[in-house]
C-alpha atoms as a PDB file:
ATOM      1  CA  MET A   1      13.693 -19.960   8.690  1.00  0.00           C
ATOM      2  CA  PRO A   2      11.688 -22.744   7.018  1.00  0.00           C
ATOM      3  CA  SER A   3      11.628 -26.134   8.730  1.00  0.00           C
ATOM      4  CA  GLY A   4      14.724 -28.194   7.938  1.00  0.00           C
ATOM      5  CA  THR A   5      16.896 -25.133   7.232  1.00  0.00           C
ATOM      6  CA  PHE A   6      19.976 -24.439   9.368  1.00  0.00           C
ATOM      7  CA  LEU A   7      22.521 -21.616   9.577  1.00  0.00           C
ATOM      8  CA  ALA A   8      26.046 -22.672  10.574  1.00  0.00           C
ATOM      9  CA  GLN A   9      28.554 -20.445  12.382  1.00  0.00           C
ATOM     10  CA  ASN A  10      30.551 -20.005   9.175  1.00  0.00           C
ATOM     11  CA  GLY A  11      27.507 -18.493   7.450  1.00  0.00           C
ATOM     12  CA  THR A  12      26.550 -21.593   5.440  1.00  0.00           C
ATOM     13  CA  ILE A  13      22.820 -22.300   5.123  1.00  0.00           C
ATOM     14  CA  THR A  14      21.918 -25.995   4.878  1.00  0.00           C
ATOM     15  CA  VAL A  15      18.599 -27.492   3.769  1.00  0.00           C
ATOM     16  CA  SER A  16      18.153 -30.991   5.216  1.00  0.00           C
ATOM     17  CA  ASN A  17      15.025 -31.880   3.247  1.00  0.00           C
ATOM     18  CA  SER A  18      14.574 -29.720   0.164  1.00  0.00           C
ATOM     19  CA  THR A  19      11.464 -31.630  -0.963  1.00  0.00           C
ATOM     20  CA  THR A  20       9.466 -30.063   1.876  1.00  0.00           C
ATOM     21  CA  LEU A  21      10.737 -26.560   1.188  1.00  0.00           C
ATOM     22  CA  VAL A  22       8.138 -24.193  -0.261  1.00  0.00           C
ATOM     23  CA  GLU A  23       9.272 -21.411  -2.563  1.00  0.00           C
ATOM     24  CA  GLY A  24       8.814 -17.971  -1.096  1.00  0.00           C
ATOM     25  CA  ILE A  25      10.325 -15.166   0.943  1.00  0.00           C
ATOM     26  CA  TYR A  26      11.223 -15.754   4.581  1.00  0.00           C
ATOM     27  CA  PRO A  27      12.410 -13.439   7.365  1.00  0.00           C
ATOM     28  CA  LEU A  28      15.779 -14.349   8.884  1.00  0.00           C
ATOM     29  CA  THR A  29      16.966 -12.974  12.213  1.00  0.00           C
ATOM     30  CA  ILE A  30      20.642 -13.403  13.100  1.00  0.00           C
ATOM     31  CA  SER A  31      21.583 -12.866  16.758  1.00  0.00           C
ATOM     32  CA  LEU A  32      25.207 -12.083  17.593  1.00  0.00           C
ATOM     33  CA  THR A  33      26.565 -12.399  21.145  1.00  0.00           C
ATOM     34  CA  ASP A  34      29.872 -10.717  21.986  1.00  0.00           C
ATOM     35  CA  ARG A  35      32.314 -11.797  24.690  1.00  0.00           C
ATOM     36  CA  SER A  36      30.766  -9.463  27.251  1.00  0.00           C
ATOM     37  CA  GLY A  37      27.338 -11.016  26.738  1.00  0.00           C
ATOM     38  CA  GLY A  38      25.888  -8.198  24.667  1.00  0.00           C
ATOM     39  CA  ILE A  39      23.436  -9.291  21.997  1.00  0.00           C
ATOM     40  CA  SER A  40      22.794  -7.572  18.676  1.00  0.00           C
ATOM     41  CA  THR A  41      20.412  -8.729  15.967  1.00  0.00           C
ATOM     42  CA  VAL A  42      20.265  -8.344  12.199  1.00  0.00           C
ATOM     43  CA  ASN A  43      16.980  -8.838  10.350  1.00  0.00           C
ATOM     44  CA  ILE A  44      17.077  -9.744   6.648  1.00  0.00           C
ATOM     45  CA  LEU A  45      14.848 -11.440   4.094  1.00  0.00           C
ATOM     46  CA  ILE A  46      15.858 -14.452   2.001  1.00  0.00           C
ATOM     47  CA  ARG A  47      14.219 -15.886  -1.101  1.00  0.00           C
ATOM     48  CA  ILE A  48      13.950 -19.611  -1.823  1.00  0.00           C
ATOM     49  CA  ARG A  49      13.157 -20.599  -5.393  1.00  0.00           C
ATOM     50  CA  GLY A  50      13.843 -23.190  -8.092  1.00  0.00           C
ATOM     51  CA  ASN A  51      13.218 -26.919  -8.545  1.00  0.00           C
ATOM     52  CA  SER A  52      16.396 -27.662  -6.588  1.00  0.00           C
ATOM     53  CA  PRO A  53      16.050 -24.886  -4.032  1.00  0.00           C
ATOM     54  CA  THR A  54      18.979 -22.637  -3.316  1.00  0.00           C
ATOM     55  CA  ILE A  55      18.870 -19.807  -0.847  1.00  0.00           C
ATOM     56  CA  THR A  56      19.991 -16.398  -2.054  1.00  0.00           C
ATOM     57  CA  PRO A  57      19.635 -12.900  -0.628  1.00  0.00           C
ATOM     58  CA  LEU A  58      17.005 -10.620  -2.104  1.00  0.00           C
ATOM     59  CA  PRO A  59      18.186  -8.620  -5.141  1.00  0.00           C
ATOM     60  CA  VAL A  60      17.484  -5.267  -3.486  1.00  0.00           C
ATOM     61  CA  GLU A  61      18.720  -4.187  -0.077  1.00  0.00           C
ATOM     62  CA  LEU A  62      16.199  -1.583   1.058  1.00  0.00           C
ATOM     63  CA  VAL A  63      17.535   0.846   3.659  1.00  0.00           C
ATOM     64  CA  TYR A  64      14.297   2.753   4.255  1.00  0.00           C
ATOM     65  CA  PHE A  65      10.859   3.400   2.778  1.00  0.00           C
ATOM     66  CA  ARG A  66       8.890   6.380   4.094  1.00  0.00           C
ATOM     67  CA  ALA A  67       6.042   8.735   3.277  1.00  0.00           C
ATOM     68  CA  SER A  68       5.201  12.342   4.092  1.00  0.00           C
ATOM     69  CA  ALA A  69       1.988  14.262   3.448  1.00  0.00           C
ATOM     70  CA  GLY A  70       2.052  17.627   1.704  1.00  0.00           C
ATOM     71  CA  LYS A  71      -0.667  19.932   0.422  1.00  0.00           C
ATOM     72  CA  GLY A  72      -2.871  17.686  -1.680  1.00  0.00           C
ATOM     73  CA  LYS A  73      -0.156  15.063  -2.236  1.00  0.00           C
ATOM     74  CA  VAL A  74       1.952  12.372  -0.588  1.00  0.00           C
ATOM     75  CA  GLU A  75       5.692  12.109  -1.196  1.00  0.00           C
ATOM     76  CA  LEU A  76       7.170   8.600  -1.051  1.00  0.00           C
ATOM     77  CA  GLN A  77      10.919   8.118  -0.745  1.00  0.00           C
ATOM     78  CA  TRP A  78      13.106   5.058  -0.449  1.00  0.00           C
ATOM     79  CA  LEU A  79      16.811   4.237  -0.445  1.00  0.00           C
ATOM     80  CA  THR A  80      18.581   1.080  -1.582  1.00  0.00           C
ATOM     81  CA  ALA A  81      22.067   0.050  -0.466  1.00  0.00           C
ATOM     82  CA  SER A  82      22.592  -2.375  -3.370  1.00  0.00           C
ATOM     83  CA  GLU A  83      20.655  -3.856  -6.282  1.00  0.00           C
ATOM     84  CA  LYS A  84      20.972  -6.968  -8.432  1.00  0.00           C
ATOM     85  CA  ASP A  85      18.918  -7.470 -11.614  1.00  0.00           C
ATOM     86  CA  ASN A  86      16.401  -4.904 -10.357  1.00  0.00           C
ATOM     87  CA  ASP A  87      14.075  -3.996 -13.220  1.00  0.00           C
ATOM     88  CA  ARG A  88      11.584  -1.723 -11.459  1.00  0.00           C
ATOM     89  CA  PHE A  89       9.560  -0.744  -8.429  1.00  0.00           C
ATOM     90  CA  GLU A  90       5.770  -0.643  -8.572  1.00  0.00           C
ATOM     91  CA  VAL A  91       4.226   1.688  -5.993  1.00  0.00           C
ATOM     92  CA  GLU A  92       1.017   0.314  -4.476  1.00  0.00           C
ATOM     93  CA  ARG A  93      -1.610   1.849  -2.182  1.00  0.00           C
ATOM     94  CA  SER A  94      -4.488   0.516  -0.096  1.00  0.00           C
ATOM     95  CA  SER A  95      -7.242   1.917   2.083  1.00  0.00           C
ATOM     96  CA  ASP A  96      -7.530  -1.242   4.217  1.00  0.00           C
ATOM     97  CA  SER A  97      -3.997  -2.787   4.107  1.00  0.00           C
ATOM     98  CA  LYS A  98      -5.449  -5.797   2.252  1.00  0.00           C
ATOM     99  CA  ALA A  99      -6.454  -4.839  -1.288  1.00  0.00           C
ATOM    100  CA  PHE A 100      -3.676  -2.843  -2.983  1.00  0.00           C
ATOM    101  CA  GLU A 101      -3.825  -0.881  -6.234  1.00  0.00           C
ATOM    102  CA  LYS A 102      -0.902   0.075  -8.456  1.00  0.00           C
ATOM    103  CA  LEU A 103      -0.204   3.816  -8.560  1.00  0.00           C
ATOM    104  CA  GLY A 104       2.824   3.901 -10.828  1.00  0.00           C
ATOM    105  CA  THR A 105       6.231   2.516 -11.752  1.00  0.00           C
ATOM    106  CA  VAL A 106       9.775   3.692 -11.033  1.00  0.00           C
ATOM    107  CA  ALA A 107      12.652   2.158 -13.006  1.00  0.00           C
ATOM    108  CA  GLY A 108      15.347   0.353 -11.015  1.00  0.00           C
ATOM    109  CA  LYS A 109      19.114   0.653 -11.472  1.00  0.00           C
ATOM    110  CA  GLY A 110      19.623  -2.940 -12.606  1.00  0.00           C
ATOM    111  CA  ASN A 111      22.889  -3.799 -10.871  1.00  0.00           C
ATOM    112  CA  SER A 112      24.422  -1.417  -8.372  1.00  0.00           C
ATOM    113  CA  ASN A 113      26.739  -1.612  -5.373  1.00  0.00           C
ATOM    114  CA  VAL A 114      26.140   1.995  -4.326  1.00  0.00           C
ATOM    115  CA  SER A 115      23.169   3.593  -2.605  1.00  0.00           C
ATOM    116  CA  ASN A 116      20.356   4.950  -4.776  1.00  0.00           C
ATOM    117  CA  LYS A 117      17.524   7.280  -3.794  1.00  0.00           C
ATOM    118  CA  TYR A 118      14.053   6.989  -5.303  1.00  0.00           C
ATOM    119  CA  SER A 119      10.885   9.036  -5.018  1.00  0.00           C
ATOM    120  CA  PHE A 120       7.270   8.949  -6.169  1.00  0.00           C
ATOM    121  CA  THR A 121       4.406  11.427  -5.709  1.00  0.00           C
ATOM    122  CA  ASP A 122       0.840  10.331  -5.025  1.00  0.00           C
ATOM    123  CA  LYS A 123      -1.039  13.282  -6.517  1.00  0.00           C
ATOM    124  CA  SER A 124      -4.502  12.003  -5.548  1.00  0.00           C
ATOM    125  CA  PRO A 125      -4.078  10.748  -1.970  1.00  0.00           C
ATOM    126  CA  LEU A 126      -6.815   9.070  -0.013  1.00  0.00           C
ATOM    127  CA  VAL A 127      -8.569  10.833   2.822  1.00  0.00           C
ATOM    128  CA  GLY A 128      -7.856   9.216   6.185  1.00  0.00           C
ATOM    129  CA  THR A 129      -5.552   6.228   6.600  1.00  0.00           C
ATOM    130  CA  ALA A 130      -3.539   5.145   3.572  1.00  0.00           C
ATOM    131  CA  TYR A 131      -1.218   2.151   3.293  1.00  0.00           C
ATOM    132  CA  TYR A 132       1.724   2.072   0.876  1.00  0.00           C
ATOM    133  CA  ARG A 133       4.144  -0.641  -0.197  1.00  0.00           C
ATOM    134  CA  LEU A 134       6.715  -1.298  -2.921  1.00  0.00           C
ATOM    135  CA  LYS A 135       6.527  -4.228  -5.301  1.00  0.00           C
ATOM    136  CA  GLN A 136      10.069  -4.913  -6.497  1.00  0.00           C
ATOM    137  CA  VAL A 137      10.308  -6.746  -9.836  1.00  0.00           C
ATOM    138  CA  ASP A 138      13.457  -8.513 -11.074  1.00  0.00           C
ATOM    139  CA  SER A 139      14.543  -8.663 -14.700  1.00  0.00           C
ATOM    140  CA  ASP A 140      13.309 -12.290 -14.775  1.00  0.00           C
ATOM    141  CA  GLY A 141       9.871 -11.310 -13.439  1.00  0.00           C
ATOM    142  CA  SER A 142      10.408 -12.449  -9.847  1.00  0.00           C
ATOM    143  CA  ILE A 143       8.822 -10.164  -7.274  1.00  0.00           C
ATOM    144  CA  ALA A 144       9.276  -9.158  -3.651  1.00  0.00           C
ATOM    145  CA  TYR A 145       7.374  -6.729  -1.438  1.00  0.00           C
ATOM    146  CA  SER A 146       8.618  -4.107   0.977  1.00  0.00           C
ATOM    147  CA  ASN A 147       7.174  -3.529   4.402  1.00  0.00           C
ATOM    148  CA  VAL A 148       3.840  -1.676   4.475  1.00  0.00           C
ATOM    149  CA  ILE A 149       3.911   1.898   5.769  1.00  0.00           C
ATOM    150  CA  THR A 150       0.897   3.814   7.084  1.00  0.00           C
ATOM    151  CA  LEU A 151       0.072   7.488   6.711  1.00  0.00           C
ATOM    152  CA  GLU A 152      -2.831   9.650   7.861  1.00  0.00           C
ATOM    153  CA  THR A 153      -3.751  12.016   5.047  1.00  0.00           C
ATOM    154  CA  GLU A 154      -6.274  14.758   4.394  1.00  0.00           C
ATOM    155  CA  GLY A 155      -6.442  13.889   0.712  1.00  0.00           C
ATOM    156  CA  ASN A 156      -6.333  16.202  -2.262  1.00  0.00           C
ATOM    157  CA  THR A 157      -7.864  19.598  -1.577  1.00  0.00           C
ATOM    158  CA  ALA A 158      -9.392  19.329  -5.046  1.00  0.00           C
ATOM    159  CA  SER A 159     -11.734  16.693  -3.577  1.00  0.00           C
ATOM    160  CA  ASP A 160     -13.548  19.478  -1.741  1.00  0.00           C
ATOM    161  CA  LEU A 161     -14.263  21.064  -5.104  1.00  0.00           C
ATOM    162  CA  VAL A 162     -15.743  17.965  -6.755  1.00  0.00           C
ATOM    163  CA  MET A 163     -17.696  16.476  -3.820  1.00  0.00           C
ATOM    164  CA  LYS A 164     -19.569  17.968  -0.874  1.00  0.00           C
ATOM    165  CA  VAL A 165     -21.641  15.989   1.635  1.00  0.00           C
ATOM    166  CA  TYR A 166     -24.282  17.430   3.959  1.00  0.00           C
ATOM    167  CA  PRO A 167     -25.480  17.302   6.653  1.00  0.00           C
ATOM    168  CA  ASN A 168     -22.424  15.854   8.355  1.00  0.00           C
ATOM    169  CA  PRO A 169     -22.909  14.466  10.993  1.00  0.00           C
ATOM    170  CA  PHE A 170     -26.260  13.097   9.784  1.00  0.00           C
ATOM    171  CA  ILE A 171     -29.173  11.112  11.200  1.00  0.00           C
ATOM    172  CA  SER A 172     -30.773   9.134   8.385  1.00  0.00           C
ATOM    173  CA  GLN A 173     -29.771  10.528   4.984  1.00  0.00           C
ATOM    174  CA  ILE A 174     -27.037  12.508   3.274  1.00  0.00           C
ATOM    175  CA  SER A 175     -27.058  14.740   0.224  1.00  0.00           C
ATOM    176  CA  ILE A 176     -24.073  14.564  -2.107  1.00  0.00           C
ATOM    177  CA  SER A 177     -23.047  17.301  -4.517  1.00  0.00           C
ATOM    178  CA  LEU A 178     -20.670  16.106  -7.247  1.00  0.00           C
ATOM    179  CA  VAL A 179     -19.041  18.023 -10.075  1.00  0.00           C
ATOM    180  CA  ALA A 180     -18.086  15.813 -13.036  1.00  0.00           C
ATOM    181  CA  GLN A 181     -15.880  16.851 -15.935  1.00  0.00           C
ATOM    182  CA  GLN A 182     -17.855  14.660 -18.324  1.00  0.00           C
ATOM    183  CA  GLN A 183     -20.843  12.342 -18.546  1.00  0.00           C
ATOM    184  CA  GLU A 184     -19.738   9.053 -17.028  1.00  0.00           C
ATOM    185  CA  SER A 185     -20.442   6.182 -14.644  1.00  0.00           C
ATOM    186  CA  ALA A 186     -18.873   6.194 -11.187  1.00  0.00           C
ATOM    187  CA  GLN A 187     -18.621   3.905  -8.182  1.00  0.00           C
ATOM    188  CA  LEU A 188     -19.985   5.183  -4.872  1.00  0.00           C
ATOM    189  CA  ILE A 189     -18.367   3.227  -2.032  1.00  0.00           C
ATOM    190  CA  LEU A 190     -18.955   3.416   1.720  1.00  0.00           C
ATOM    191  CA  LEU A 191     -16.340   1.837   4.024  1.00  0.00           C
ATOM    192  CA  ASP A 192     -16.266   1.389   7.782  1.00  0.00           C
ATOM    193  CA  LEU A 193     -13.161   2.243   9.812  1.00  0.00           C
ATOM    194  CA  GLN A 194     -11.852  -1.315   9.391  1.00  0.00           C
ATOM    195  CA  GLY A 195     -11.885  -0.844   5.618  1.00  0.00           C
ATOM    196  CA  ARG A 196     -14.841  -3.182   5.121  1.00  0.00           C
ATOM    197  CA  GLU A 197     -17.172  -2.332   2.278  1.00  0.00           C
ATOM    198  CA  VAL A 198     -20.645  -1.421   3.549  1.00  0.00           C
ATOM    199  CA  ILE A 199     -22.205  -0.054   0.365  1.00  0.00           C
ATOM    200  CA  ARG A 200     -21.164  -0.073  -3.284  1.00  0.00           C
ATOM    201  CA  LYS A 201     -23.355   1.202  -6.077  1.00  0.00           C
ATOM    202  CA  THR A 202     -22.935   2.483  -9.606  1.00  0.00           C
ATOM    203  CA  ILE A 203     -24.121   6.035 -10.216  1.00  0.00           C
ATOM    204  CA  GLU A 204     -24.575   7.868 -13.509  1.00  0.00           C
ATOM    205  CA  LEU A 205     -23.165  11.390 -13.626  1.00  0.00           C
ATOM    206  CA  GLU A 206     -23.908  14.223 -16.019  1.00  0.00           C
ATOM    207  CA  LYS A 207     -21.278  16.771 -16.972  1.00  0.00           C
ATOM    208  CA  GLY A 208     -21.300  19.557 -14.399  1.00  0.00           C
ATOM    209  CA  GLU A 209     -22.994  19.520 -11.005  1.00  0.00           C
ATOM    210  CA  ASN A 210     -24.902  16.441  -9.826  1.00  0.00           C
ATOM    211  CA  GLN A 211     -27.131  16.130  -6.740  1.00  0.00           C
ATOM    212  CA  LEU A 212     -27.605  12.722  -5.100  1.00  0.00           C
ATOM    213  CA  GLU A 213     -29.566  11.536  -2.072  1.00  0.00           C
ATOM    214  CA  LEU A 214     -28.293   8.523  -0.137  1.00  0.00           C
ATOM    215  CA  PRO A 215     -30.656   7.061   2.506  1.00  0.00           C
ATOM    216  CA  LEU A 216     -28.724   5.481   5.385  1.00  0.00           C
ATOM    217  CA  GLN A 217     -31.392   4.845   8.022  1.00  0.00           C
ATOM    218  CA  LYS A 218     -30.199   1.284   8.706  1.00  0.00           C
ATOM    219  CA  LEU A 219     -26.556   2.258   9.071  1.00  0.00           C
ATOM    220  CA  ALA A 220     -25.104   1.805  12.565  1.00  0.00           C
ATOM    221  CA  ASN A 221     -23.813   4.858  14.406  1.00  0.00           C
ATOM    222  CA  GLY A 222     -20.172   5.686  13.812  1.00  0.00           C
ATOM    223  CA  MET A 223     -17.642   7.125  11.383  1.00  0.00           C
ATOM    224  CA  TYR A 224     -17.380   5.991   7.757  1.00  0.00           C
ATOM    225  CA  MET A 225     -15.382   6.775   4.629  1.00  0.00           C
ATOM    226  CA  LEU A 226     -17.390   7.790   1.556  1.00  0.00           C
ATOM    227  CA  LYS A 227     -15.592   7.478  -1.789  1.00  0.00           C
ATOM    228  CA  VAL A 228     -16.587   8.279  -5.358  1.00  0.00           C
ATOM    229  CA  VAL A 229     -14.318   6.916  -8.079  1.00  0.00           C
ATOM    230  CA  SER A 230     -14.575   7.376 -11.838  1.00  0.00           C
ATOM    231  CA  GLY A 231     -12.358   8.173 -14.784  1.00  0.00           C
ATOM    232  CA  SER A 232     -12.141  11.852 -13.822  1.00  0.00           C
ATOM    233  CA  ILE A 233     -13.054  11.820 -10.109  1.00  0.00           C
ATOM    234  CA  LYS A 234     -11.243  10.386  -7.113  1.00  0.00           C
ATOM    235  CA  ALA A 235     -12.905  11.959  -4.105  1.00  0.00           C
ATOM    236  CA  ALA A 236     -13.286  10.812  -0.517  1.00  0.00           C
ATOM    237  CA  THR A 237     -14.503  12.228   2.767  1.00  0.00           C
ATOM    238  CA  LYS A 238     -15.362  11.048   6.265  1.00  0.00           C
ATOM    239  CA  ILE A 239     -18.999  11.050   7.372  1.00  0.00           C
ATOM    240  CA  ILE A 240     -20.496  10.472  10.829  1.00  0.00           C
ATOM    241  CA  LYS A 241     -23.824   8.768  11.575  1.00  0.00           C
ATOM    242  CA  ASN A 242     -25.616   9.957  14.746  1.00  0.00           C
ATOM    243  CA  ARG A 243     -29.124   8.845  15.628  1.00  0.00           C
END
């Protein structure tokens, strides 16, 4: 709870100094002790907003949010217990748990006191570790985020058709074979296992097969993620540097 905020036994939340209260979303843990000394806890989120802050529960009660990997895709599923003024969910993905990109939108139920199941398919999953979260948007534009879930994926098998890297493991240089559906520019990105960007460069692709050489003599030993992203290509693969 924010400083100066108190929860009474009757369930009333009191703000002693609202001028110091910052708008935002805060976790609230309620501990209940029964007569035998047993303790149970309930974890919820509350939102504080407005010029004269009032504390209200979040508009969507999320029961679960989970992901499962299939052949060349990732299935995301979530369940809500209730919804209030819920306009939509925006599904977001990240390769480093920091920078998220929007994958798509799923319409909400607006107002509902019954459980609702939702699903979304990531048809071009990342290779390696992927992070997913839900951005919930109210009808008034207010937003809230779900917890972040992590999934190890092998990516889309189509990636093997558009990009091949050899030798792998390598010592000082790799050759990259790329098949492009059209003439276009693409971003070649190399990430370390912490998701930090090591190399980023723009490459020009011709329609059909393209051969590239990437010198990596100064790269430290270890495992990296190589990605190529363009309008028609989203390919990624792990590479290993051995001196």
